N, C-alpha and C. Protein backbone atom coordinates (compact mmCIF):
# COMPACT_ATOMS: atom_id res chain seq x y z
N MET A 1 94.27 118.13 163.01
CA MET A 1 94.58 118.61 164.34
C MET A 1 96.05 119.04 164.44
N VAL A 2 96.94 118.23 163.86
CA VAL A 2 98.37 118.55 163.90
C VAL A 2 98.64 119.82 163.10
N PHE A 3 97.93 119.98 161.99
CA PHE A 3 98.11 121.16 161.15
C PHE A 3 97.76 122.43 161.93
N ILE A 4 96.67 122.39 162.71
CA ILE A 4 96.26 123.56 163.50
C ILE A 4 97.33 123.87 164.55
N PHE A 5 97.88 122.83 165.17
CA PHE A 5 98.93 123.02 166.18
C PHE A 5 100.17 123.68 165.55
N ILE A 6 100.58 123.22 164.39
CA ILE A 6 101.76 123.78 163.72
C ILE A 6 101.52 125.24 163.36
N VAL A 7 100.34 125.56 162.82
CA VAL A 7 100.01 126.94 162.46
C VAL A 7 99.98 127.82 163.71
N ALA A 8 99.43 127.31 164.81
CA ALA A 8 99.37 128.08 166.05
C ALA A 8 100.78 128.33 166.60
N MET A 9 101.65 127.34 166.53
CA MET A 9 103.03 127.52 167.00
C MET A 9 103.78 128.55 166.15
N MET A 10 103.58 128.51 164.85
CA MET A 10 104.24 129.49 163.98
C MET A 10 103.72 130.89 164.27
N ALA A 11 102.41 131.02 164.49
CA ALA A 11 101.84 132.33 164.81
C ALA A 11 102.38 132.82 166.15
N ALA A 12 102.52 131.92 167.13
CA ALA A 12 103.06 132.31 168.44
C ALA A 12 104.51 132.78 168.31
N MET A 13 105.29 132.13 167.46
CA MET A 13 106.68 132.54 167.25
C MET A 13 106.74 133.93 166.62
N VAL A 14 105.89 134.19 165.64
CA VAL A 14 105.88 135.50 164.98
C VAL A 14 105.47 136.59 165.97
N VAL A 15 104.40 136.34 166.72
CA VAL A 15 103.94 137.33 167.69
C VAL A 15 105.00 137.54 168.78
N GLY A 16 105.60 136.46 169.25
CA GLY A 16 106.64 136.58 170.27
C GLY A 16 107.84 137.37 169.77
N THR A 17 108.23 137.14 168.54
CA THR A 17 109.35 137.88 167.96
C THR A 17 109.03 139.37 167.85
N LEU A 18 107.82 139.68 167.40
CA LEU A 18 107.43 141.09 167.29
C LEU A 18 107.40 141.77 168.65
N ILE A 19 106.88 141.08 169.67
CA ILE A 19 106.85 141.66 171.01
C ILE A 19 108.27 141.86 171.53
N TRP A 20 109.13 140.86 171.31
CA TRP A 20 110.51 140.95 171.78
C TRP A 20 111.23 142.13 171.12
N ARG A 21 111.06 142.28 169.81
CA ARG A 21 111.69 143.39 169.10
C ARG A 21 111.13 144.73 169.55
N GLY A 22 109.83 144.77 169.84
CA GLY A 22 109.20 146.02 170.27
C GLY A 22 109.62 146.43 171.67
N MET A 23 109.90 145.47 172.53
CA MET A 23 110.27 145.76 173.91
C MET A 23 111.78 145.99 174.08
N ALA A 24 112.56 145.67 173.06
CA ALA A 24 114.01 145.82 173.14
C ALA A 24 114.37 147.29 173.26
N ARG A 25 115.55 147.53 173.83
CA ARG A 25 115.99 148.92 173.97
C ARG A 25 116.20 149.54 172.59
N PRO A 26 116.05 150.83 172.50
CA PRO A 26 116.22 151.47 171.18
C PRO A 26 117.65 151.30 170.68
N ASP A 27 117.78 151.30 169.39
CA ASP A 27 119.09 151.14 168.78
C ASP A 27 119.97 152.33 169.14
N SER A 28 121.22 152.04 169.44
CA SER A 28 122.13 153.09 169.90
C SER A 28 122.90 153.72 168.74
N ARG A 29 122.36 153.64 167.55
CA ARG A 29 123.05 154.24 166.41
C ARG A 29 122.87 155.75 166.39
N ARG A 30 123.80 156.40 165.73
CA ARG A 30 123.72 157.85 165.55
C ARG A 30 122.69 158.16 164.48
N PRO A 31 122.29 159.42 164.39
CA PRO A 31 121.32 159.79 163.34
C PRO A 31 121.82 159.48 161.93
N ASP A 32 123.14 159.47 161.74
CA ASP A 32 123.65 159.18 160.39
C ASP A 32 123.74 157.67 160.13
N GLY A 33 123.31 156.84 161.10
CA GLY A 33 123.25 155.40 160.88
C GLY A 33 124.47 154.63 161.34
N ARG A 34 125.54 155.33 161.73
CA ARG A 34 126.74 154.63 162.17
C ARG A 34 126.64 154.32 163.66
N ARG A 35 127.28 153.25 164.05
CA ARG A 35 127.33 152.90 165.47
C ARG A 35 128.44 153.69 166.14
N PRO A 36 128.23 154.10 167.39
CA PRO A 36 129.31 154.80 168.09
C PRO A 36 130.47 153.85 168.37
N ALA A 37 131.67 154.39 168.38
CA ALA A 37 132.85 153.57 168.64
C ALA A 37 132.84 153.10 170.09
N ARG A 38 133.17 151.85 170.27
CA ARG A 38 133.23 151.31 171.63
C ARG A 38 134.64 151.52 172.17
N PRO A 39 134.74 151.88 173.44
CA PRO A 39 136.08 152.05 174.01
C PRO A 39 136.77 150.70 174.15
N GLU A 40 138.07 150.71 174.00
CA GLU A 40 138.85 149.48 174.15
C GLU A 40 138.85 149.06 175.61
N ARG A 41 138.57 147.80 175.84
CA ARG A 41 138.64 147.28 177.20
C ARG A 41 140.03 146.72 177.44
N ALA A 42 140.54 146.94 178.63
CA ALA A 42 141.85 146.42 178.98
C ALA A 42 141.76 144.90 179.11
N ARG A 43 142.72 144.21 178.53
CA ARG A 43 142.74 142.76 178.62
C ARG A 43 143.24 142.36 180.00
N ALA A 44 142.59 141.38 180.56
CA ALA A 44 143.02 140.86 181.85
C ALA A 44 144.28 140.02 181.64
N VAL A 45 145.23 140.21 182.51
CA VAL A 45 146.48 139.47 182.42
C VAL A 45 146.57 138.58 183.65
N ALA A 46 146.81 137.32 183.43
CA ALA A 46 146.97 136.40 184.55
C ALA A 46 148.23 136.77 185.32
N PRO A 47 148.22 136.57 186.64
CA PRO A 47 149.40 136.96 187.43
C PRO A 47 150.69 136.32 186.95
N ASP A 48 150.63 135.07 186.50
CA ASP A 48 151.87 134.42 186.07
C ASP A 48 152.32 134.89 184.69
N ASP A 49 151.53 135.72 184.01
CA ASP A 49 151.94 136.31 182.73
C ASP A 49 152.35 137.77 182.88
N ASP A 50 152.22 138.32 184.07
CA ASP A 50 152.50 139.73 184.30
C ASP A 50 153.94 139.88 184.83
N PRO A 51 154.86 140.42 184.02
CA PRO A 51 156.26 140.51 184.46
C PRO A 51 156.42 141.39 185.71
N GLU A 52 155.62 142.43 185.82
CA GLU A 52 155.73 143.30 187.00
C GLU A 52 155.35 142.54 188.27
N PHE A 53 154.30 141.74 188.20
CA PHE A 53 153.88 140.93 189.35
C PHE A 53 154.98 139.94 189.72
N LEU A 54 155.55 139.28 188.73
CA LEU A 54 156.61 138.30 189.00
C LEU A 54 157.83 138.96 189.61
N ARG A 55 158.18 140.18 189.15
CA ARG A 55 159.33 140.88 189.71
C ARG A 55 159.08 141.21 191.17
N ARG A 56 157.88 141.74 191.47
CA ARG A 56 157.57 142.09 192.87
C ARG A 56 157.53 140.84 193.75
N LEU A 57 157.01 139.74 193.23
CA LEU A 57 156.95 138.50 193.99
C LEU A 57 158.36 138.00 194.29
N GLY A 58 159.25 138.06 193.29
CA GLY A 58 160.63 137.65 193.51
C GLY A 58 161.31 138.51 194.55
N GLU A 59 161.10 139.82 194.49
CA GLU A 59 161.69 140.71 195.49
C GLU A 59 161.15 140.40 196.88
N GLN A 60 159.86 140.14 196.97
CA GLN A 60 159.25 139.83 198.27
C GLN A 60 159.82 138.54 198.85
N LEU A 61 159.95 137.52 198.00
CA LEU A 61 160.50 136.25 198.48
C LEU A 61 161.95 136.40 198.92
N ARG A 62 162.74 137.19 198.16
CA ARG A 62 164.15 137.39 198.54
C ARG A 62 164.24 138.16 199.85
N SER A 63 163.34 139.14 200.06
CA SER A 63 163.39 139.91 201.30
C SER A 63 162.99 139.04 202.50
N GLU A 64 162.19 138.01 202.26
CA GLU A 64 161.79 137.11 203.34
C GLU A 64 162.81 135.99 203.53
N GLY A 65 163.84 135.93 202.69
CA GLY A 65 164.87 134.92 202.83
C GLY A 65 164.57 133.63 202.11
N GLU A 66 163.54 133.59 201.30
CA GLU A 66 163.21 132.37 200.54
C GLU A 66 163.74 132.50 199.13
N ASP A 67 164.03 131.36 198.52
CA ASP A 67 164.48 131.37 197.14
C ASP A 67 163.25 131.39 196.23
N PRO A 68 163.23 132.26 195.22
CA PRO A 68 162.09 132.25 194.29
C PRO A 68 162.06 130.94 193.53
N PRO A 69 160.89 130.49 193.10
CA PRO A 69 160.82 129.24 192.33
C PRO A 69 161.59 129.37 191.02
N ALA A 70 162.19 128.26 190.62
CA ALA A 70 162.99 128.26 189.39
C ALA A 70 162.08 128.37 188.17
N ARG A 71 162.58 129.05 187.15
CA ARG A 71 161.83 129.14 185.89
C ARG A 71 161.98 127.86 185.12
N ARG A 72 160.96 127.57 184.34
CA ARG A 72 161.00 126.33 183.55
C ARG A 72 161.69 126.57 182.25
């Protein structure tokens, strides 16, 4: 009985894999087999790592009469 269950599970995995591969979107490769180049994505910069943001923040605080926080 256990043997039949194991064989049935293996068959279900094979059939499931074939269906999954068949339903997947077509490969985006070129006719020559190469993949198209992906465009570079801009890296997100945290506000406290962005010098331009820190400069504008310091100017804003000075214009409001507050002292900017001290650097560590």
